[in-house]
Amino acid sequence: MSISIDEVKYIANLSRLSFDEKELQDFTNQFNDILLFFEKLNELNTDNIEPLSHPISNTNVFREDEIAQSIECKEAVKNTLYSNDEFFIVPKVINQ
């Protein structure tokens, strides 16, 4: 399989790109080199190879959930300047 210069012009037109003749020839050569590489990959024997969804195995890196004692509201707001001893007081940022 190979790509012609007319096909590169068609792709460039779809992409709303314009190229001079030298650039079109360069792209044609590059596309054909890429296709040759894929044809080489097709020569590999993959009969006993399982398909992968990822090239490396993924493992969960999150810690296990553990029940822990939480702090009281008064303890949480004791170091802020703006609280009512139960909640943080923040400026209004949404107008209704």
PDB file of N, CA and C in Angstrom:
ATOM      1  N   MET A   1       0.843  -1.174   0.000  1.00  0.00           N
ATOM      2  CA  MET A   1       0.000   0.000   0.000  1.00  0.00           C
ATOM      3  C   MET A   1       0.886   1.234   0.000  1.00  0.00           C
ATOM      4  N   SER A   2       0.527   2.215  -0.796  1.00  0.00           N
ATOM      5  CA  SER A   2       1.271   3.468  -0.804  1.00  0.00           C
ATOM      6  C   SER A   2       0.306   4.630  -0.993  1.00  0.00           C
ATOM      7  N   ILE A   3       0.763   5.789  -0.615  1.00  0.00           N
ATOM      8  CA  ILE A   3      -0.023   7.011  -0.694  1.00  0.00           C
ATOM      9  C   ILE A   3       0.474   7.825  -1.890  1.00  0.00           C
ATOM     10  N   SER A   4      -0.445   8.346  -2.661  1.00  0.00           N
ATOM     11  CA  SER A   4      -0.060   9.190  -3.796  1.00  0.00           C
ATOM     12  C   SER A   4      -0.073  10.656  -3.376  1.00  0.00           C
ATOM     13  N   ILE A   5       0.548  11.479  -4.176  1.00  0.00           N
ATOM     14  CA  ILE A   5       0.585  12.911  -3.875  1.00  0.00           C
ATOM     15  C   ILE A   5      -0.819  13.510  -3.933  1.00  0.00           C
ATOM     16  N   ASP A   6      -1.695  12.941  -4.772  1.00  0.00           N
ATOM     17  CA  ASP A   6      -3.078  13.423  -4.837  1.00  0.00           C
ATOM     18  C   ASP A   6      -3.814  13.147  -3.528  1.00  0.00           C
ATOM     19  N   GLU A   7      -3.535  12.008  -2.915  1.00  0.00           N
ATOM     20  CA  GLU A   7      -4.161  11.698  -1.628  1.00  0.00           C
ATOM     21  C   GLU A   7      -3.661  12.635  -0.534  1.00  0.00           C
ATOM     22  N   VAL A   8      -2.389  12.995  -0.588  1.00  0.00           N
ATOM     23  CA  VAL A   8      -1.848  13.961   0.386  1.00  0.00           C
ATOM     24  C   VAL A   8      -2.498  15.321   0.176  1.00  0.00           C
ATOM     25  N   LYS A   9      -2.703  15.725  -1.074  1.00  0.00           N
ATOM     26  CA  LYS A   9      -3.389  16.989  -1.361  1.00  0.00           C
ATOM     27  C   LYS A   9      -4.824  16.949  -0.826  1.00  0.00           C
ATOM     28  N   TYR A  10      -5.477  15.804  -0.986  1.00  0.00           N
ATOM     29  CA  TYR A  10      -6.847  15.651  -0.495  1.00  0.00           C
ATOM     30  C   TYR A  10      -6.885  15.776   1.032  1.00  0.00           C
ATOM     31  N   ILE A  11      -5.955  15.115   1.714  1.00  0.00           N
ATOM     32  CA  ILE A  11      -5.897  15.191   3.184  1.00  0.00           C
ATOM     33  C   ILE A  11      -5.598  16.617   3.624  1.00  0.00           C
ATOM     34  N   ALA A  12      -4.682  17.291   2.932  1.00  0.00           N
ATOM     35  CA  ALA A  12      -4.351  18.680   3.264  1.00  0.00           C
ATOM     36  C   ALA A  12      -5.570  19.574   3.076  1.00  0.00           C
ATOM     37  N   ASN A  13      -6.327  19.348   2.028  1.00  0.00           N
ATOM     38  CA  ASN A  13      -7.533  20.134   1.784  1.00  0.00           C
ATOM     39  C   ASN A  13      -8.559  19.912   2.894  1.00  0.00           C
ATOM     40  N   LEU A  14      -8.753  18.657   3.315  1.00  0.00           N
ATOM     41  CA  LEU A  14      -9.677  18.375   4.409  1.00  0.00           C
ATOM     42  C   LEU A  14      -9.236  19.052   5.702  1.00  0.00           C
ATOM     43  N   SER A  15      -7.928  19.163   5.882  1.00  0.00           N
ATOM     44  CA  SER A  15      -7.376  19.759   7.095  1.00  0.00           C
ATOM     45  C   SER A  15      -7.252  21.277   6.991  1.00  0.00           C
ATOM     46  N   ARG A  16      -7.648  21.818   5.844  1.00  0.00           N
ATOM     47  CA  ARG A  16      -7.534  23.257   5.592  1.00  0.00           C
ATOM     48  C   ARG A  16      -6.081  23.729   5.690  1.00  0.00           C
ATOM     49  N   LEU A  17      -5.174  22.924   5.144  1.00  0.00           N
ATOM     50  CA  LEU A  17      -3.751  23.253   5.124  1.00  0.00           C
ATOM     51  C   LEU A  17      -3.313  23.407   3.677  1.00  0.00           C
ATOM     52  N   SER A  18      -2.358  24.292   3.455  1.00  0.00           N
ATOM     53  CA  SER A  18      -1.823  24.440   2.099  1.00  0.00           C
ATOM     54  C   SER A  18      -0.309  24.247   2.157  1.00  0.00           C
ATOM     55  N   PHE A  19       0.205  23.516   1.159  1.00  0.00           N
ATOM     56  CA  PHE A  19       1.622  23.209   1.090  1.00  0.00           C
ATOM     57  C   PHE A  19       2.107  23.451  -0.332  1.00  0.00           C
ATOM     58  N   ASP A  20       3.384  23.776  -0.440  1.00  0.00           N
ATOM     59  CA  ASP A  20       3.957  23.871  -1.783  1.00  0.00           C
ATOM     60  C   ASP A  20       4.301  22.459  -2.276  1.00  0.00           C
ATOM     61  N   GLU A  21       4.739  22.359  -3.521  1.00  0.00           N
ATOM     62  CA  GLU A  21       4.982  21.047  -4.132  1.00  0.00           C
ATOM     63  C   GLU A  21       6.059  20.246  -3.398  1.00  0.00           C
ATOM     64  N   LYS A  22       7.100  20.923  -2.914  1.00  0.00           N
ATOM     65  CA  LYS A  22       8.168  20.208  -2.202  1.00  0.00           C
ATOM     66  C   LYS A  22       7.638  19.621  -0.895  1.00  0.00           C
ATOM     67  N   GLU A  23       6.850  20.399  -0.160  1.00  0.00           N
ATOM     68  CA  GLU A  23       6.273  19.899   1.091  1.00  0.00           C
ATOM     69  C   GLU A  23       5.322  18.732   0.822  1.00  0.00           C
ATOM     70  N   LEU A  24       4.536  18.830  -0.236  1.00  0.00           N
ATOM     71  CA  LEU A  24       3.635  17.731  -0.580  1.00  0.00           C
ATOM     72  C   LEU A  24       4.422  16.463  -0.890  1.00  0.00           C
ATOM     73  N   GLN A  25       5.516  16.604  -1.615  1.00  0.00           N
ATOM     74  CA  GLN A  25       6.346  15.432  -1.931  1.00  0.00           C
ATOM     75  C   GLN A  25       6.984  14.860  -0.664  1.00  0.00           C
ATOM     76  N   ASP A  26       7.444  15.760   0.237  1.00  0.00           N
ATOM     77  CA  ASP A  26       8.036  15.304   1.506  1.00  0.00           C
ATOM     78  C   ASP A  26       7.012  14.536   2.345  1.00  0.00           C
ATOM     79  N   PHE A  27       5.792  15.071   2.441  1.00  0.00           N
ATOM     80  CA  PHE A  27       4.750  14.386   3.208  1.00  0.00           C
ATOM     81  C   PHE A  27       4.396  13.040   2.581  1.00  0.00           C
ATOM     82  N   THR A  28       4.344  13.010   1.266  1.00  0.00           N
ATOM     83  CA  THR A  28       4.052  11.750   0.580  1.00  0.00           C
ATOM     84  C   THR A  28       5.104  10.707   0.927  1.00  0.00           C
ATOM     85  N   ASN A  29       6.370  11.108   0.890  1.00  0.00           N
ATOM     86  CA  ASN A  29       7.456  10.177   1.244  1.00  0.00           C
ATOM     87  C   ASN A  29       7.353   9.741   2.700  1.00  0.00           C
ATOM     88  N   GLN A  30       7.052  10.668   3.592  1.00  0.00           N
ATOM     89  CA  GLN A  30       6.950  10.330   5.016  1.00  0.00           C
ATOM     90  C   GLN A  30       5.787   9.374   5.280  1.00  0.00           C
ATOM     91  N   PHE A  31       4.637   9.644   4.658  1.00  0.00           N
ATOM     92  CA  PHE A  31       3.500   8.734   4.827  1.00  0.00           C
ATOM     93  C   PHE A  31       3.836   7.336   4.318  1.00  0.00           C
ATOM     94  N   ASN A  32       4.492   7.270   3.198  1.00  0.00           N
ATOM     95  CA  ASN A  32       4.856   5.962   2.640  1.00  0.00           C
ATOM     96  C   ASN A  32       5.874   5.245   3.521  1.00  0.00           C
ATOM     97  N   ASP A  33       6.799   5.984   4.134  1.00  0.00           N
ATOM     98  CA  ASP A  33       7.748   5.365   5.069  1.00  0.00           C
ATOM     99  C   ASP A  33       7.014   4.790   6.286  1.00  0.00           C
ATOM    100  N   ILE A  34       6.026   5.517   6.767  1.00  0.00           N
ATOM    101  CA  ILE A  34       5.240   5.032   7.913  1.00  0.00           C
ATOM    102  C   ILE A  34       4.492   3.756   7.542  1.00  0.00           C
ATOM    103  N   LEU A  35       3.893   3.744   6.365  1.00  0.00           N
ATOM    104  CA  LEU A  35       3.164   2.554   5.931  1.00  0.00           C
ATOM    105  C   LEU A  35       4.095   1.356   5.738  1.00  0.00           C
ATOM    106  N   LEU A  36       5.301   1.610   5.240  1.00  0.00           N
ATOM    107  CA  LEU A  36       6.289   0.528   5.108  1.00  0.00           C
ATOM    108  C   LEU A  36       6.646  -0.052   6.467  1.00  0.00           C
ATOM    109  N   PHE A  37       6.773   0.815   7.466  1.00  0.00           N
ATOM    110  CA  PHE A  37       7.082   0.350   8.812  1.00  0.00           C
ATOM    111  C   PHE A  37       5.964  -0.551   9.329  1.00  0.00           C
ATOM    112  N   PHE A  38       4.709  -0.164   9.117  1.00  0.00           N
ATOM    113  CA  PHE A  38       3.595  -0.996   9.565  1.00  0.00           C
ATOM    114  C   PHE A  38       3.541  -2.314   8.812  1.00  0.00           C
ATOM    115  N   GLU A  39       3.903  -2.302   7.562  1.00  0.00           N
ATOM    116  CA  GLU A  39       3.952  -3.560   6.816  1.00  0.00           C
ATOM    117  C   GLU A  39       5.015  -4.483   7.391  1.00  0.00           C
ATOM    118  N   LYS A  40       6.134  -3.916   7.852  1.00  0.00           N
ATOM    119  CA  LYS A  40       7.168  -4.731   8.508  1.00  0.00           C
ATOM    120  C   LYS A  40       6.628  -5.351   9.790  1.00  0.00           C
ATOM    121  N   LEU A  41       5.844  -4.582  10.540  1.00  0.00           N
ATOM    122  CA  LEU A  41       5.262  -5.113  11.779  1.00  0.00           C
ATOM    123  C   LEU A  41       4.312  -6.266  11.489  1.00  0.00           C
ATOM    124  N   ASN A  42       3.640  -6.226  10.367  1.00  0.00           N
ATOM    125  CA  ASN A  42       2.719  -7.306  10.005  1.00  0.00           C
ATOM    126  C   ASN A  42       3.448  -8.616   9.730  1.00  0.00           C
ATOM    127  N   GLU A  43       4.746  -8.566   9.520  1.00  0.00           N
ATOM    128  CA  GLU A  43       5.524  -9.786   9.279  1.00  0.00           C
ATOM    129  C   GLU A  43       5.789 -10.569  10.565  1.00  0.00           C
ATOM    130  N   LEU A  44       5.606  -9.929  11.726  1.00  0.00           N
ATOM    131  CA  LEU A  44       5.864 -10.593  13.001  1.00  0.00           C
ATOM    132  C   LEU A  44       4.839 -11.684  13.265  1.00  0.00           C
ATOM    133  N   ASN A  45       5.299 -12.772  13.855  1.00  0.00           N
ATOM    134  CA  ASN A  45       4.410 -13.860  14.245  1.00  0.00           C
ATOM    135  C   ASN A  45       3.798 -13.529  15.605  1.00  0.00           C
ATOM    136  N   THR A  46       2.497 -13.306  15.622  1.00  0.00           N
ATOM    137  CA  THR A  46       1.801 -12.954  16.862  1.00  0.00           C
ATOM    138  C   THR A  46       0.756 -13.997  17.238  1.00  0.00           C
ATOM    139  N   ASP A  47       0.965 -15.233  16.802  1.00  0.00           N
ATOM    140  CA  ASP A  47      -0.032 -16.280  17.047  1.00  0.00           C
ATOM    141  C   ASP A  47      -0.252 -16.561  18.529  1.00  0.00           C
ATOM    142  N   ASN A  48       0.797 -16.624  19.320  1.00  0.00           N
ATOM    143  CA  ASN A  48       0.674 -16.985  20.733  1.00  0.00           C
ATOM    144  C   ASN A  48       0.783 -15.775  21.661  1.00  0.00           C
ATOM    145  N   ILE A  49       0.516 -14.608  21.152  1.00  0.00           N
ATOM    146  CA  ILE A  49       0.608 -13.382  21.938  1.00  0.00           C
ATOM    147  C   ILE A  49      -0.802 -12.915  22.290  1.00  0.00           C
ATOM    148  N   GLU A  50      -1.036 -12.697  23.586  1.00  0.00           N
ATOM    149  CA  GLU A  50      -2.338 -12.201  24.011  1.00  0.00           C
ATOM    150  C   GLU A  50      -2.413 -10.695  23.775  1.00  0.00           C
ATOM    151  N   PRO A  51      -3.551 -10.212  23.305  1.00  0.00           N
ATOM    152  CA  PRO A  51      -3.711  -8.767  23.115  1.00  0.00           C
ATOM    153  C   PRO A  51      -3.691  -8.051  24.465  1.00  0.00           C
ATOM    154  N   LEU A  52      -3.164  -6.850  24.475  1.00  0.00           N
ATOM    155  CA  LEU A  52      -3.074  -6.049  25.697  1.00  0.00           C
ATOM    156  C   LEU A  52      -3.908  -4.787  25.556  1.00  0.00           C
ATOM    157  N   SER A  53      -4.492  -4.362  26.649  1.00  0.00           N
ATOM    158  CA  SER A  53      -5.149  -3.052  26.635  1.00  0.00           C
ATOM    159  C   SER A  53      -4.157  -1.968  27.036  1.00  0.00           C
ATOM    160  N   HIS A  54      -3.082  -2.359  27.750  1.00  0.00           N
ATOM    161  CA  HIS A  54      -2.018  -1.444  28.143  1.00  0.00           C
ATOM    162  C   HIS A  54      -0.684  -2.168  27.982  1.00  0.00           C
ATOM    163  N   PRO A  55       0.368  -1.449  27.632  1.00  0.00           N
ATOM    164  CA  PRO A  55       1.660  -2.116  27.462  1.00  0.00           C
ATOM    165  C   PRO A  55       2.274  -2.611  28.770  1.00  0.00           C
ATOM    166  N   ILE A  56       1.880  -2.018  29.894  1.00  0.00           N
ATOM    167  CA  ILE A  56       2.378  -2.474  31.199  1.00  0.00           C
ATOM    168  C   ILE A  56       1.178  -2.759  32.085  1.00  0.00           C
ATOM    169  N   SER A  57       1.358  -3.631  33.054  1.00  0.00           N
ATOM    170  CA  SER A  57       0.230  -3.942  33.934  1.00  0.00           C
ATOM    171  C   SER A  57       0.040  -2.815  34.940  1.00  0.00           C
ATOM    172  N   ASN A  58      -1.199  -2.452  35.154  1.00  0.00           N
ATOM    173  CA  ASN A  58      -1.524  -1.386  36.098  1.00  0.00           C
ATOM    174  C   ASN A  58      -1.965  -1.996  37.416  1.00  0.00           C
ATOM    175  N   THR A  59      -1.502  -1.413  38.499  1.00  0.00           N
ATOM    176  CA  THR A  59      -1.955  -1.830  39.818  1.00  0.00           C
ATOM    177  C   THR A  59      -2.471  -0.613  40.560  1.00  0.00           C
ATOM    178  N   ASN A  60      -3.401  -0.837  41.425  1.00  0.00           N
ATOM    179  CA  ASN A  60      -3.971   0.242  42.203  1.00  0.00           C
ATOM    180  C   ASN A  60      -2.936   0.727  43.221  1.00  0.00           C
ATOM    181  N   VAL A  61      -2.645   2.019  43.199  1.00  0.00           N
ATOM    182  CA  VAL A  61      -1.644   2.565  44.116  1.00  0.00           C
ATOM    183  C   VAL A  61      -2.292   3.268  45.315  1.00  0.00           C
ATOM    184  N   PHE A  62      -3.604   3.174  45.422  1.00  0.00           N
ATOM    185  CA  PHE A  62      -4.280   3.817  46.532  1.00  0.00           C
ATOM    186  C   PHE A  62      -4.174   2.954  47.785  1.00  0.00           C
ATOM    187  N   ARG A  63      -4.173   3.607  48.917  1.00  0.00           N
ATOM    188  CA  ARG A  63      -4.136   2.879  50.179  1.00  0.00           C
ATOM    189  C   ARG A  63      -5.505   2.301  50.480  1.00  0.00           C
ATOM    190  N   GLU A  64      -5.535   1.345  51.356  1.00  0.00           N
ATOM    191  CA  GLU A  64      -6.799   0.763  51.781  1.00  0.00           C
ATOM    192  C   GLU A  64      -7.566   1.782  52.629  1.00  0.00           C
ATOM    193  N   ASP A  65      -8.883   1.775  52.506  1.00  0.00           N
ATOM    194  CA  ASP A  65      -9.704   2.639  53.347  1.00  0.00           C
ATOM    195  C   ASP A  65      -9.685   2.100  54.769  1.00  0.00           C
ATOM    196  N   GLU A  66      -9.407   2.993  55.702  1.00  0.00           N
ATOM    197  CA  GLU A  66      -9.400   2.606  57.106  1.00  0.00           C
ATOM    198  C   GLU A  66     -10.255   3.583  57.895  1.00  0.00           C
ATOM    199  N   ILE A  67     -11.011   3.068  58.810  1.00  0.00           N
ATOM    200  CA  ILE A  67     -11.818   3.921  59.670  1.00  0.00           C
ATOM    201  C   ILE A  67     -10.890   4.543  60.705  1.00  0.00           C
ATOM    202  N   ALA A  68     -10.956   5.871  60.793  1.00  0.00           N
ATOM    203  CA  ALA A  68     -10.110   6.579  61.758  1.00  0.00           C
ATOM    204  C   ALA A  68     -10.966   7.615  62.487  1.00  0.00           C
ATOM    205  N   GLN A  69     -10.486   8.028  63.625  1.00  0.00           N
ATOM    206  CA  GLN A  69     -11.193   9.035  64.409  1.00  0.00           C
ATOM    207  C   GLN A  69     -11.040  10.389  63.725  1.00  0.00           C
ATOM    208  N   SER A  70     -12.154  11.084  63.492  1.00  0.00           N
ATOM    209  CA  SER A  70     -12.078  12.417  62.905  1.00  0.00           C
ATOM    210  C   SER A  70     -12.032  13.451  64.021  1.00  0.00           C
ATOM    211  N   ILE A  71     -11.668  14.681  63.645  1.00  0.00           N
ATOM    212  CA  ILE A  71     -11.570  15.716  64.681  1.00  0.00           C
ATOM    213  C   ILE A  71     -12.911  16.418  64.844  1.00  0.00           C
ATOM    214  N   GLU A  72     -13.124  16.975  65.982  1.00  0.00           N
ATOM    215  CA  GLU A  72     -14.354  17.697  66.279  1.00  0.00           C
ATOM    216  C   GLU A  72     -14.367  19.024  65.518  1.00  0.00           C
ATOM    217  N   CYS A  73     -15.565  19.546  65.271  1.00  0.00           N
ATOM    218  CA  CYS A  73     -15.701  20.804  64.528  1.00  0.00           C
ATOM    219  C   CYS A  73     -14.957  21.945  65.207  1.00  0.00           C
ATOM    220  N   LYS A  74     -15.094  22.065  66.520  1.00  0.00           N
ATOM    221  CA  LYS A  74     -14.415  23.158  67.241  1.00  0.00           C
ATOM    222  C   LYS A  74     -12.904  23.053  67.107  1.00  0.00           C
ATOM    223  N   GLU A  75     -12.372  21.845  67.094  1.00  0.00           N
ATOM    224  CA  GLU A  75     -10.933  21.628  66.923  1.00  0.00           C
ATOM    225  C   GLU A  75     -10.498  22.021  65.510  1.00  0.00           C
ATOM    226  N   ALA A  76     -11.338  21.733  64.510  1.00  0.00           N
ATOM    227  CA  ALA A  76     -10.989  22.027  63.119  1.00  0.00           C
ATOM    228  C   ALA A  76     -10.938  23.520  62.859  1.00  0.00           C
ATOM    229  N   VAL A  77     -11.804  24.308  63.481  1.00  0.00           N
ATOM    230  CA  VAL A  77     -11.879  25.745  63.190  1.00  0.00           C
ATOM    231  C   VAL A  77     -11.150  26.605  64.219  1.00  0.00           C
ATOM    232  N   LYS A  78     -10.442  26.021  65.163  1.00  0.00           N
ATOM    233  CA  LYS A  78      -9.857  26.814  66.245  1.00  0.00           C
ATOM    234  C   LYS A  78      -8.743  27.755  65.766  1.00  0.00           C
ATOM    235  N   ASN A  79      -8.056  27.471  64.666  1.00  0.00           N
ATOM    236  CA  ASN A  79      -6.954  28.311  64.203  1.00  0.00           C
ATOM    237  C   ASN A  79      -7.351  29.293  63.099  1.00  0.00           C
ATOM    238  N   THR A  80      -8.614  29.363  62.737  1.00  0.00           N
ATOM    239  CA  THR A  80      -9.040  30.312  61.710  1.00  0.00           C
ATOM    240  C   THR A  80      -9.570  31.580  62.344  1.00  0.00           C
ATOM    241  N   LEU A  81      -9.453  32.684  61.623  1.00  0.00           N
ATOM    242  CA  LEU A  81      -9.974  33.949  62.132  1.00  0.00           C
ATOM    243  C   LEU A  81     -11.477  34.061  61.922  1.00  0.00           C
ATOM    244  N   TYR A  82     -11.976  33.353  60.920  1.00  0.00           N
ATOM    245  CA  TYR A  82     -13.371  33.511  60.534  1.00  0.00           C
ATOM    246  C   TYR A  82     -14.121  32.191  60.719  1.00  0.00           C
ATOM    247  N   SER A  83     -14.775  32.067  61.859  1.00  0.00           N
ATOM    248  CA  SER A  83     -15.594  30.888  62.118  1.00  0.00           C
ATOM    249  C   SER A  83     -16.654  31.252  63.133  1.00  0.00           C
ATOM    250  N   ASN A  84     -17.624  30.384  63.259  1.00  0.00           N
ATOM    251  CA  ASN A  84     -18.633  30.573  64.303  1.00  0.00           C
ATOM    252  C   ASN A  84     -18.556  29.418  65.294  1.00  0.00           C
ATOM    253  N   ASP A  85     -17.355  28.912  65.525  1.00  0.00           N
ATOM    254  CA  ASP A  85     -17.055  27.795  66.425  1.00  0.00           C
ATOM    255  C   ASP A  85     -17.594  26.458  65.928  1.00  0.00           C
ATOM    256  N   GLU A  86     -18.216  26.445  64.758  1.00  0.00           N
ATOM    257  CA  GLU A  86     -18.711  25.186  64.204  1.00  0.00           C
ATOM    258  C   GLU A  86     -18.376  25.052  62.720  1.00  0.00           C
ATOM    259  N   PHE A  87     -18.405  26.181  61.994  1.00  0.00           N
ATOM    260  CA  PHE A  87     -18.150  26.170  60.563  1.00  0.00           C
ATOM    261  C   PHE A  87     -17.123  27.238  60.190  1.00  0.00           C
ATOM    262  N   PHE A  88     -16.422  27.034  59.075  1.00  0.00           N
ATOM    263  CA  PHE A  88     -15.582  28.069  58.502  1.00  0.00           C
ATOM    264  C   PHE A  88     -16.482  29.111  57.861  1.00  0.00           C
ATOM    265  N   ILE A  89     -16.152  30.376  57.981  1.00  0.00           N
ATOM    266  CA  ILE A  89     -16.906  31.440  57.330  1.00  0.00           C
ATOM    267  C   ILE A  89     -16.064  31.917  56.150  1.00  0.00           C
ATOM    268  N   VAL A  90     -16.649  31.846  54.950  1.00  0.00           N
ATOM    269  CA  VAL A  90     -15.945  32.234  53.723  1.00  0.00           C
ATOM    270  C   VAL A  90     -16.765  33.298  53.006  1.00  0.00           C
ATOM    271  N   PRO A  91     -16.088  34.114  52.167  1.00  0.00           N
ATOM    272  CA  PRO A  91     -16.848  35.118  51.438  1.00  0.00           C
ATOM    273  C   PRO A  91     -17.782  34.502  50.394  1.00  0.00           C
ATOM    274  N   LYS A  92     -18.884  35.161  50.157  1.00  0.00           N
ATOM    275  CA  LYS A  92     -19.846  34.678  49.152  1.00  0.00           C
ATOM    276  C   LYS A  92     -19.223  34.878  47.763  1.00  0.00           C
ATOM    277  N   VAL A  93     -19.241  33.836  46.949  1.00  0.00           N
ATOM    278  CA  VAL A  93     -18.638  33.921  45.613  1.00  0.00           C
ATOM    279  C   VAL A  93     -19.663  33.682  44.509  1.00  0.00           C
ATOM    280  N   ILE A  94     -20.858  33.267  44.839  1.00  0.00           N
ATOM    281  CA  ILE A  94     -21.894  33.017  43.844  1.00  0.00           C
ATOM    282  C   ILE A  94     -23.068  33.932  44.135  1.00  0.00           C
ATOM    283  N   ASN A  95     -23.448  34.720  43.130  1.00  0.00           N
ATOM    284  CA  ASN A  95     -24.607  35.597  43.283  1.00  0.00           C
ATOM    285  C   ASN A  95     -25.858  34.828  42.855  1.00  0.00           C
ATOM    286  N   GLN A  96     -26.899  34.988  43.643  1.00  0.00           N
ATOM    287  CA  GLN A  96     -28.162  34.317  43.300  1.00  0.00           C
ATOM    288  C   GLN A  96     -29.247  35.313  43.098  1.00  0.00           C
TER     289      GLN A  96
END
